[in-house]
Amino acid sequence: EIGIDIIFPEHYSIFIIYERNHAFSTGYTD
C-alpha cells in the first residue's frame, strides 16, 4: 500500500491510497 494525506487549514482534507493484494500462485487485486 502507498498513499498520501493532505490536510488544509480551512478544514479540508484529501486522502489517496493505492493497494495491491497478491495471493501467491492464484492472482492479485488492485
PDB file of all heavy atoms in Angstrom:
ATOM      1  N   GLU A   1       0.839  -1.199   0.000  1.00  0.00           N
ATOM      2  CA  GLU A   1       0.000   0.000   0.000  1.00  0.00           C
ATOM      3  C   GLU A   1       0.873   1.248   0.000  1.00  0.00           C
ATOM      4  O   GLU A   1       1.879   1.319   0.715  1.00  0.00           O
ATOM      5  CB  GLU A   1      -0.903  -0.010   1.236  1.00  0.00           C
ATOM      6  CG  GLU A   1      -1.748   1.223   1.438  1.00  0.00           C
ATOM      7  CD  GLU A   1      -2.478   1.187   2.769  1.00  0.00           C
ATOM      8  OE1 GLU A   1      -3.264   0.239   2.974  1.00  0.00           O
ATOM      9  OE2 GLU A   1      -2.265   2.099   3.594  1.00  0.00           O
ATOM     10  N   ILE A   2       0.515   2.248  -0.797  1.00  0.00           N
ATOM     11  CA  ILE A   2       1.155   3.557  -0.765  1.00  0.00           C
ATOM     12  C   ILE A   2       0.052   4.610  -0.776  1.00  0.00           C
ATOM     13  O   ILE A   2      -1.028   4.394  -1.323  1.00  0.00           O
ATOM     14  CB  ILE A   2       2.117   3.784  -1.947  1.00  0.00           C
ATOM     15  CG1 ILE A   2       1.384   3.585  -3.291  1.00  0.00           C
ATOM     16  CG2 ILE A   2       3.332   2.885  -1.847  1.00  0.00           C
ATOM     17  CD1 ILE A   2       2.232   3.942  -4.491  1.00  0.00           C
ATOM     18  N   GLY A   3       0.330   5.763  -0.139  1.00  0.00           N
ATOM     19  CA  GLY A   3      -0.713   6.778  -0.086  1.00  0.00           C
ATOM     20  C   GLY A   3      -0.168   8.126   0.340  1.00  0.00           C
ATOM     21  O   GLY A   3       0.998   8.268   0.729  1.00  0.00           O
ATOM     22  N   ILE A   4      -1.035   9.131   0.268  1.00  0.00           N
ATOM     23  CA  ILE A   4      -0.689  10.483   0.662  1.00  0.00           C
ATOM     24  C   ILE A   4      -1.886  11.122   1.356  1.00  0.00           C
ATOM     25  O   ILE A   4      -3.037  10.921   0.930  1.00  0.00           O
ATOM     26  CB  ILE A   4      -0.239  11.325  -0.563  1.00  0.00           C
ATOM     27  CG1 ILE A   4       0.261  12.696  -0.104  1.00  0.00           C
ATOM     28  CG2 ILE A   4      -1.345  11.439  -1.594  1.00  0.00           C
ATOM     29  CD1 ILE A   4       0.935  13.471  -1.220  1.00  0.00           C
ATOM     30  N   ASP A   5      -1.642  11.850   2.442  1.00  0.00           N
ATOM     31  CA  ASP A   5      -2.687  12.550   3.193  1.00  0.00           C
ATOM     32  C   ASP A   5      -2.355  14.042   3.206  1.00  0.00           C
ATOM     33  O   ASP A   5      -1.222  14.426   3.525  1.00  0.00           O
ATOM     34  CB  ASP A   5      -2.766  12.056   4.640  1.00  0.00           C
ATOM     35  CG  ASP A   5      -3.001  10.553   4.740  1.00  0.00           C
ATOM     36  OD1 ASP A   5      -3.445   9.960   3.742  1.00  0.00           O
ATOM     37  OD2 ASP A   5      -2.737   9.990   5.819  1.00  0.00           O
ATOM     38  N   ILE A   6      -3.339  14.870   2.878  1.00  0.00           N
ATOM     39  CA  ILE A   6      -3.158  16.322   2.892  1.00  0.00           C
ATOM     40  C   ILE A   6      -4.310  16.948   3.680  1.00  0.00           C
ATOM     41  O   ILE A   6      -5.478  16.687   3.389  1.00  0.00           O
ATOM     42  CB  ILE A   6      -3.131  16.915   1.468  1.00  0.00           C
ATOM     43  CG1 ILE A   6      -2.085  16.200   0.600  1.00  0.00           C
ATOM     44  CG2 ILE A   6      -2.834  18.411   1.510  1.00  0.00           C
ATOM     45  CD1 ILE A   6      -2.099  16.635  -0.850  1.00  0.00           C
ATOM     46  N   ILE A   7      -3.975  17.752   4.681  1.00  0.00           N
ATOM     47  CA  ILE A   7      -4.977  18.434   5.495  1.00  0.00           C
ATOM     48  C   ILE A   7      -4.696  19.932   5.442  1.00  0.00           C
ATOM     49  O   ILE A   7      -3.595  20.384   5.797  1.00  0.00           O
ATOM     50  CB  ILE A   7      -4.962  17.938   6.953  1.00  0.00           C
ATOM     51  CG1 ILE A   7      -5.191  16.420   7.000  1.00  0.00           C
ATOM     52  CG2 ILE A   7      -6.024  18.659   7.775  1.00  0.00           C
ATOM     53  CD1 ILE A   7      -5.075  15.831   8.387  1.00  0.00           C
ATOM     54  N   PHE A   8      -5.675  20.728   4.995  1.00  0.00           N
ATOM     55  CA  PHE A   8      -5.523  22.168   4.843  1.00  0.00           C
ATOM     56  C   PHE A   8      -6.067  22.899   6.074  1.00  0.00           C
ATOM     57  O   PHE A   8      -6.952  22.379   6.778  1.00  0.00           O
ATOM     58  CB  PHE A   8      -6.261  22.648   3.591  1.00  0.00           C
ATOM     59  CG  PHE A   8      -5.729  22.053   2.321  1.00  0.00           C
ATOM     60  CD1 PHE A   8      -6.303  20.906   1.776  1.00  0.00           C
ATOM     61  CD2 PHE A   8      -4.646  22.624   1.676  1.00  0.00           C
ATOM     62  CE1 PHE A   8      -5.815  20.355   0.607  1.00  0.00           C
ATOM     63  CE2 PHE A   8      -4.146  22.077   0.496  1.00  0.00           C
ATOM     64  CZ  PHE A   8      -4.730  20.938  -0.035  1.00  0.00           C
ATOM     65  N   PRO A   9      -5.570  24.109   6.330  1.00  0.00           N
ATOM     66  CA  PRO A   9      -6.057  24.871   7.488  1.00  0.00           C
ATOM     67  C   PRO A   9      -7.543  25.193   7.420  1.00  0.00           C
ATOM     68  O   PRO A   9      -8.184  25.407   8.449  1.00  0.00           O
ATOM     69  CB  PRO A   9      -5.214  26.161   7.434  1.00  0.00           C
ATOM     70  CG  PRO A   9      -4.008  25.808   6.644  1.00  0.00           C
ATOM     71  CD  PRO A   9      -4.464  24.786   5.646  1.00  0.00           C
ATOM     72  N   GLU A  10      -8.101  25.218   6.214  1.00  0.00           N
ATOM     73  CA  GLU A  10      -9.525  25.529   6.056  1.00  0.00           C
ATOM     74  C   GLU A  10     -10.414  24.338   6.374  1.00  0.00           C
ATOM     75  O   GLU A  10     -11.601  24.314   6.020  1.00  0.00           O
ATOM     76  CB  GLU A  10      -9.806  26.002   4.626  1.00  0.00           C
ATOM     77  CG  GLU A  10      -9.103  27.302   4.248  1.00  0.00           C
ATOM     78  CD  GLU A  10      -7.662  27.045   3.804  1.00  0.00           C
ATOM     79  OE1 GLU A  10      -7.281  25.851   3.709  1.00  0.00           O
ATOM     80  OE2 GLU A  10      -6.927  28.018   3.578  1.00  0.00           O
ATOM     81  N   HIS A  11      -9.852  23.321   7.020  1.00  0.00           N
ATOM     82  CA  HIS A  11     -10.590  22.132   7.463  1.00  0.00           C
ATOM     83  C   HIS A  11     -10.883  21.139   6.331  1.00  0.00           C
ATOM     84  O   HIS A  11     -11.660  20.213   6.517  1.00  0.00           O
ATOM     85  CB  HIS A  11     -11.917  22.505   8.148  1.00  0.00           C
ATOM     86  CG  HIS A  11     -11.764  23.493   9.258  1.00  0.00           C
ATOM     87  ND1 HIS A  11     -11.101  23.207  10.419  1.00  0.00           N
ATOM     88  CD2 HIS A  11     -12.184  24.778   9.360  1.00  0.00           C
ATOM     89  CE1 HIS A  11     -11.120  24.259  11.215  1.00  0.00           C
ATOM     90  NE2 HIS A  11     -11.767  25.245  10.597  1.00  0.00           N
ATOM     91  N   TYR A  12     -10.278  21.345   5.156  1.00  0.00           N
ATOM     92  CA  TYR A  12     -10.433  20.389   4.078  1.00  0.00           C
ATOM     93  C   TYR A  12      -9.313  19.346   4.149  1.00  0.00           C
ATOM     94  O   TYR A  12      -8.198  19.645   4.595  1.00  0.00           O
ATOM     95  CB  TYR A  12     -10.386  21.077   2.713  1.00  0.00           C
ATOM     96  CG  TYR A  12     -11.561  21.969   2.429  1.00  0.00           C
ATOM     97  CD1 TYR A  12     -11.479  23.348   2.637  1.00  0.00           C
ATOM     98  CD2 TYR A  12     -12.763  21.436   1.956  1.00  0.00           C
ATOM     99  CE1 TYR A  12     -12.557  24.171   2.386  1.00  0.00           C
ATOM    100  CE2 TYR A  12     -13.849  22.260   1.702  1.00  0.00           C
ATOM    101  CZ  TYR A  12     -13.748  23.622   1.919  1.00  0.00           C
ATOM    102  OH  TYR A  12     -14.824  24.434   1.665  1.00  0.00           O
ATOM    103  N   SER A  13      -9.610  18.153   3.681  1.00  0.00           N
ATOM    104  CA  SER A  13      -8.591  17.101   3.668  1.00  0.00           C
ATOM    105  C   SER A  13      -8.749  16.217   2.438  1.00  0.00           C
ATOM    106  O   SER A  13      -9.860  16.049   1.906  1.00  0.00           O
ATOM    107  CB  SER A  13      -8.680  16.234   4.931  1.00  0.00           C
ATOM    108  OG  SER A  13      -9.960  15.633   5.047  1.00  0.00           O
ATOM    109  N   ILE A  14      -7.621  15.681   1.965  1.00  0.00           N
ATOM    110  CA  ILE A  14      -7.594  14.776   0.815  1.00  0.00           C
ATOM    111  C   ILE A  14      -6.751  13.558   1.191  1.00  0.00           C
ATOM    112  O   ILE A  14      -5.635  13.701   1.710  1.00  0.00           O
ATOM    113  CB  ILE A  14      -6.997  15.451  -0.434  1.00  0.00           C
ATOM    114  CG1 ILE A  14      -7.795  16.699  -0.829  1.00  0.00           C
ATOM    115  CG2 ILE A  14      -6.955  14.469  -1.601  1.00  0.00           C
ATOM    116  CD1 ILE A  14      -7.157  17.476  -1.958  1.00  0.00           C
ATOM    117  N   PHE A  15      -7.279  12.366   0.931  1.00  0.00           N
ATOM    118  CA  PHE A  15      -6.553  11.129   1.199  1.00  0.00           C
ATOM    119  C   PHE A  15      -6.598  10.260  -0.058  1.00  0.00           C
ATOM    120  O   PHE A  15      -7.676  10.016  -0.617  1.00  0.00           O
ATOM    121  CB  PHE A  15      -7.170  10.365   2.366  1.00  0.00           C
ATOM    122  CG  PHE A  15      -7.297  11.192   3.626  1.00  0.00           C
ATOM    123  CD1 PHE A  15      -8.499  11.796   3.949  1.00  0.00           C
ATOM    124  CD2 PHE A  15      -6.218  11.366   4.460  1.00  0.00           C
ATOM    125  CE1 PHE A  15      -8.632  12.554   5.098  1.00  0.00           C
ATOM    126  CE2 PHE A  15      -6.330  12.120   5.614  1.00  0.00           C
ATOM    127  CZ  PHE A  15      -7.533  12.723   5.934  1.00  0.00           C
ATOM    128  N   ILE A  16      -5.433   9.795  -0.513  1.00  0.00           N
ATOM    129  CA  ILE A  16      -5.340   8.942  -1.702  1.00  0.00           C
ATOM    130  C   ILE A  16      -4.505   7.715  -1.333  1.00  0.00           C
ATOM    131  O   ILE A  16      -3.391   7.849  -0.815  1.00  0.00           O
ATOM    132  CB  ILE A  16      -4.692   9.681  -2.886  1.00  0.00           C
ATOM    133  CG1 ILE A  16      -5.491  10.948  -3.234  1.00  0.00           C
ATOM    134  CG2 ILE A  16      -4.619   8.761  -4.105  1.00  0.00           C
ATOM    135  CD1 ILE A  16      -4.823  11.801  -4.286  1.00  0.00           C
ATOM    136  N   ILE A  17      -5.053   6.516  -1.582  1.00  0.00           N
ATOM    137  CA  ILE A  17      -4.356   5.269  -1.254  1.00  0.00           C
ATOM    138  C   ILE A  17      -4.490   4.297  -2.428  1.00  0.00           C
ATOM    139  O   ILE A  17      -5.589   4.099  -2.964  1.00  0.00           O
ATOM    140  CB  ILE A  17      -4.930   4.614   0.019  1.00  0.00           C
ATOM    141  CG1 ILE A  17      -4.763   5.533   1.228  1.00  0.00           C
ATOM    142  CG2 ILE A  17      -4.248   3.269   0.286  1.00  0.00           C
ATOM    143  CD1 ILE A  17      -5.431   5.008   2.477  1.00  0.00           C
ATOM    144  N   TYR A  18      -3.376   3.708  -2.811  1.00  0.00           N
ATOM    145  CA  TYR A  18      -3.377   2.616  -3.792  1.00  0.00           C
ATOM    146  C   TYR A  18      -2.872   1.355  -3.089  1.00  0.00           C
ATOM    147  O   TYR A  18      -1.856   1.396  -2.392  1.00  0.00           O
ATOM    148  CB  TYR A  18      -2.491   2.936  -4.990  1.00  0.00           C
ATOM    149  CG  TYR A  18      -2.194   1.728  -5.854  1.00  0.00           C
ATOM    150  CD1 TYR A  18      -3.154   1.231  -6.731  1.00  0.00           C
ATOM    151  CD2 TYR A  18      -0.971   1.068  -5.760  1.00  0.00           C
ATOM    152  CE1 TYR A  18      -2.895   0.110  -7.505  1.00  0.00           C
ATOM    153  CE2 TYR A  18      -0.699  -0.042  -6.533  1.00  0.00           C
ATOM    154  CZ  TYR A  18      -1.664  -0.523  -7.403  1.00  0.00           C
ATOM    155  OH  TYR A  18      -1.416  -1.634  -8.159  1.00  0.00           O
ATOM    156  N   GLU A  19      -3.570   0.243  -3.286  1.00  0.00           N
ATOM    157  CA  GLU A  19      -3.146  -1.003  -2.647  1.00  0.00           C
ATOM    158  C   GLU A  19      -3.228  -2.169  -3.615  1.00  0.00           C
ATOM    159  O   GLU A  19      -4.056  -2.171  -4.537  1.00  0.00           O
ATOM    160  CB  GLU A  19      -3.997  -1.309  -1.408  1.00  0.00           C
ATOM    161  CG  GLU A  19      -5.433  -1.667  -1.698  1.00  0.00           C
ATOM    162  CD  GLU A  19      -6.206  -2.085  -0.453  1.00  0.00           C
ATOM    163  OE1 GLU A  19      -5.734  -1.808   0.664  1.00  0.00           O
ATOM    164  OE2 GLU A  19      -7.291  -2.685  -0.608  1.00  0.00           O
ATOM    165  N   ARG A  20      -2.348  -3.129  -3.415  1.00  0.00           N
ATOM    166  CA  ARG A  20      -2.382  -4.391  -4.167  1.00  0.00           C
ATOM    167  C   ARG A  20      -2.335  -5.547  -3.173  1.00  0.00           C
ATOM    168  O   ARG A  20      -1.477  -5.581  -2.288  1.00  0.00           O
ATOM    169  CB  ARG A  20      -1.219  -4.492  -5.143  1.00  0.00           C
ATOM    170  CG  ARG A  20      -1.045  -5.904  -5.731  1.00  0.00           C
ATOM    171  CD  ARG A  20      -0.099  -5.961  -6.886  1.00  0.00           C
ATOM    172  NE  ARG A  20      -0.686  -5.361  -8.080  1.00  0.00           N
ATOM    173  CZ  ARG A  20      -0.178  -5.499  -9.308  1.00  0.00           C
ATOM    174  NH1 ARG A  20       0.924  -6.211  -9.500  1.00  0.00           N
ATOM    175  NH2 ARG A  20      -0.764  -4.924 -10.339  1.00  0.00           N
ATOM    176  N   ASN A  21      -3.263  -6.487  -3.335  1.00  0.00           N
ATOM    177  CA  ASN A  21      -3.312  -7.706  -2.519  1.00  0.00           C
ATOM    178  C   ASN A  21      -2.971  -8.883  -3.421  1.00  0.00           C
ATOM    179  O   ASN A  21      -3.730  -9.192  -4.349  1.00  0.00           O
ATOM    180  CB  ASN A  21      -4.693  -7.885  -1.896  1.00  0.00           C
ATOM    181  CG  ASN A  21      -5.069  -6.715  -1.017  1.00  0.00           C
ATOM    182  OD1 ASN A  21      -4.264  -6.253  -0.225  1.00  0.00           O
ATOM    183  ND2 ASN A  21      -6.296  -6.225  -1.146  1.00  0.00           N
ATOM    184  N   HIS A  22      -1.858  -9.526  -3.150  1.00  0.00           N
ATOM    185  CA  HIS A  22      -1.358 -10.592  -4.024  1.00  0.00           C
ATOM    186  C   HIS A  22      -1.364 -11.921  -3.280  1.00  0.00           C
ATOM    187  O   HIS A  22      -0.730 -12.070  -2.229  1.00  0.00           O
ATOM    188  CB  HIS A  22       0.062 -10.273  -4.489  1.00  0.00           C
ATOM    189  CG  HIS A  22       0.601 -11.252  -5.483  1.00  0.00           C
ATOM    190  ND1 HIS A  22       0.418 -11.112  -6.846  1.00  0.00           N
ATOM    191  CD2 HIS A  22       1.291 -12.404  -5.315  1.00  0.00           C
ATOM    192  CE1 HIS A  22       0.992 -12.127  -7.469  1.00  0.00           C
ATOM    193  NE2 HIS A  22       1.524 -12.928  -6.565  1.00  0.00           N
ATOM    194  N   ALA A  23      -2.098 -12.884  -3.824  1.00  0.00           N
ATOM    195  CA  ALA A  23      -2.110 -14.244  -3.296  1.00  0.00           C
ATOM    196  C   ALA A  23      -1.209 -15.103  -4.178  1.00  0.00           C
ATOM    197  O   ALA A  23      -1.437 -15.216  -5.385  1.00  0.00           O
ATOM    198  CB  ALA A  23      -3.525 -14.808  -3.289  1.00  0.00           C
ATOM    199  N   PHE A  24      -0.153 -15.672  -3.584  1.00  0.00           N
ATOM    200  CA  PHE A  24       0.810 -16.435  -4.361  1.00  0.00           C
ATOM    201  C   PHE A  24       0.126 -17.566  -5.113  1.00  0.00           C
ATOM    202  O   PHE A  24      -0.686 -18.287  -4.568  1.00  0.00           O
ATOM    203  CB  PHE A  24       1.905 -17.001  -3.448  1.00  0.00           C
ATOM    204  CG  PHE A  24       2.764 -15.942  -2.824  1.00  0.00           C
ATOM    205  CD1 PHE A  24       3.064 -15.969  -1.477  1.00  0.00           C
ATOM    206  CD2 PHE A  24       3.268 -14.900  -3.587  1.00  0.00           C
ATOM    207  CE1 PHE A  24       3.857 -14.994  -0.896  1.00  0.00           C
ATOM    208  CE2 PHE A  24       4.057 -13.918  -3.023  1.00  0.00           C
ATOM    209  CZ  PHE A  24       4.350 -13.957  -1.676  1.00  0.00           C
ATOM    210  N   SER A  25       0.459 -17.689  -6.380  1.00  0.00           N
ATOM    211  CA  SER A  25       0.003 -18.757  -7.283  1.00  0.00           C
ATOM    212  C   SER A  25      -1.465 -18.650  -7.681  1.00  0.00           C
ATOM    213  O   SER A  25      -1.951 -19.475  -8.445  1.00  0.00           O
ATOM    214  CB  SER A  25       0.252 -20.154  -6.676  1.00  0.00           C
ATOM    215  OG  SER A  25      -0.687 -20.454  -5.661  1.00  0.00           O
ATOM    216  N   THR A  26      -2.202 -17.642  -7.167  1.00  0.00           N
ATOM    217  CA  THR A  26      -3.622 -17.551  -7.533  1.00  0.00           C
ATOM    218  C   THR A  26      -4.007 -16.224  -8.173  1.00  0.00           C
ATOM    219  O   THR A  26      -4.967 -16.166  -8.918  1.00  0.00           O
ATOM    220  CB  THR A  26      -4.527 -17.778  -6.309  1.00  0.00           C
ATOM    221  OG1 THR A  26      -4.170 -16.854  -5.278  1.00  0.00           O
ATOM    222  CG2 THR A  26      -4.386 -19.195  -5.778  1.00  0.00           C
ATOM    223  N   GLY A  27      -3.290 -15.131  -7.904  1.00  0.00           N
ATOM    224  CA  GLY A  27      -3.638 -13.868  -8.541  1.00  0.00           C
ATOM    225  C   GLY A  27      -3.594 -12.701  -7.567  1.00  0.00           C
ATOM    226  O   GLY A  27      -3.174 -12.842  -6.419  1.00  0.00           O
ATOM    227  N   TYR A  28      -4.022 -11.538  -8.035  1.00  0.00           N
ATOM    228  CA  TYR A  28      -3.968 -10.340  -7.209  1.00  0.00           C
ATOM    229  C   TYR A  28      -5.144  -9.424  -7.526  1.00  0.00           C
ATOM    230  O   TYR A  28      -5.815  -9.557  -8.551  1.00  0.00           O
ATOM    231  CB  TYR A  28      -2.651  -9.584  -7.433  1.00  0.00           C
ATOM    232  CG  TYR A  28      -2.473  -9.068  -8.846  1.00  0.00           C
ATOM    233  CD1 TYR A  28      -2.980  -7.822  -9.221  1.00  0.00           C
ATOM    234  CD2 TYR A  28      -1.801  -9.823  -9.808  1.00  0.00           C
ATOM    235  CE1 TYR A  28      -2.829  -7.352 -10.511  1.00  0.00           C
ATOM    236  CE2 TYR A  28      -1.642  -9.361 -11.096  1.00  0.00           C
ATOM    237  CZ  TYR A  28      -2.154  -8.119 -11.442  1.00  0.00           C
ATOM    238  OH  TYR A  28      -2.004  -7.653 -12.722  1.00  0.00           O
ATOM    239  N   THR A  29      -5.393  -8.475  -6.613  1.00  0.00           N
ATOM    240  CA  THR A  29      -6.405  -7.452  -6.822  1.00  0.00           C
ATOM    241  C   THR A  29      -5.793  -6.085  -6.539  1.00  0.00           C
ATOM    242  O   THR A  29      -4.922  -5.945  -5.678  1.00  0.00           O
ATOM    243  CB  THR A  29      -7.622  -7.654  -5.898  1.00  0.00           C
ATOM    244  OG1 THR A  29      -7.191  -7.583  -4.529  1.00  0.00           O
ATOM    245  CG2 THR A  29      -8.288  -8.985  -6.153  1.00  0.00           C
ATOM    246  N   ASP A  30      -6.244  -5.071  -7.285  1.00  0.00           N
ATOM    247  CA  ASP A  30      -5.792  -3.698  -7.102  1.00  0.00           C
ATOM    248  C   ASP A  30      -6.971  -2.829  -6.684  1.00  0.00           C
ATOM    249  O   ASP A  30      -8.088  -3.018  -7.168  1.00  0.00           O
ATOM    250  CB  ASP A  30      -5.202  -3.141  -8.404  1.00  0.00           C
ATOM    251  CG  ASP A  30      -3.903  -3.833  -8.779  1.00  0.00           C
ATOM    252  OD1 ASP A  30      -3.063  -4.068  -7.890  1.00  0.00           O
ATOM    253  OD2 ASP A  30      -3.731  -4.141  -9.974  1.00  0.00           O
TER     254      ASP A  30
END
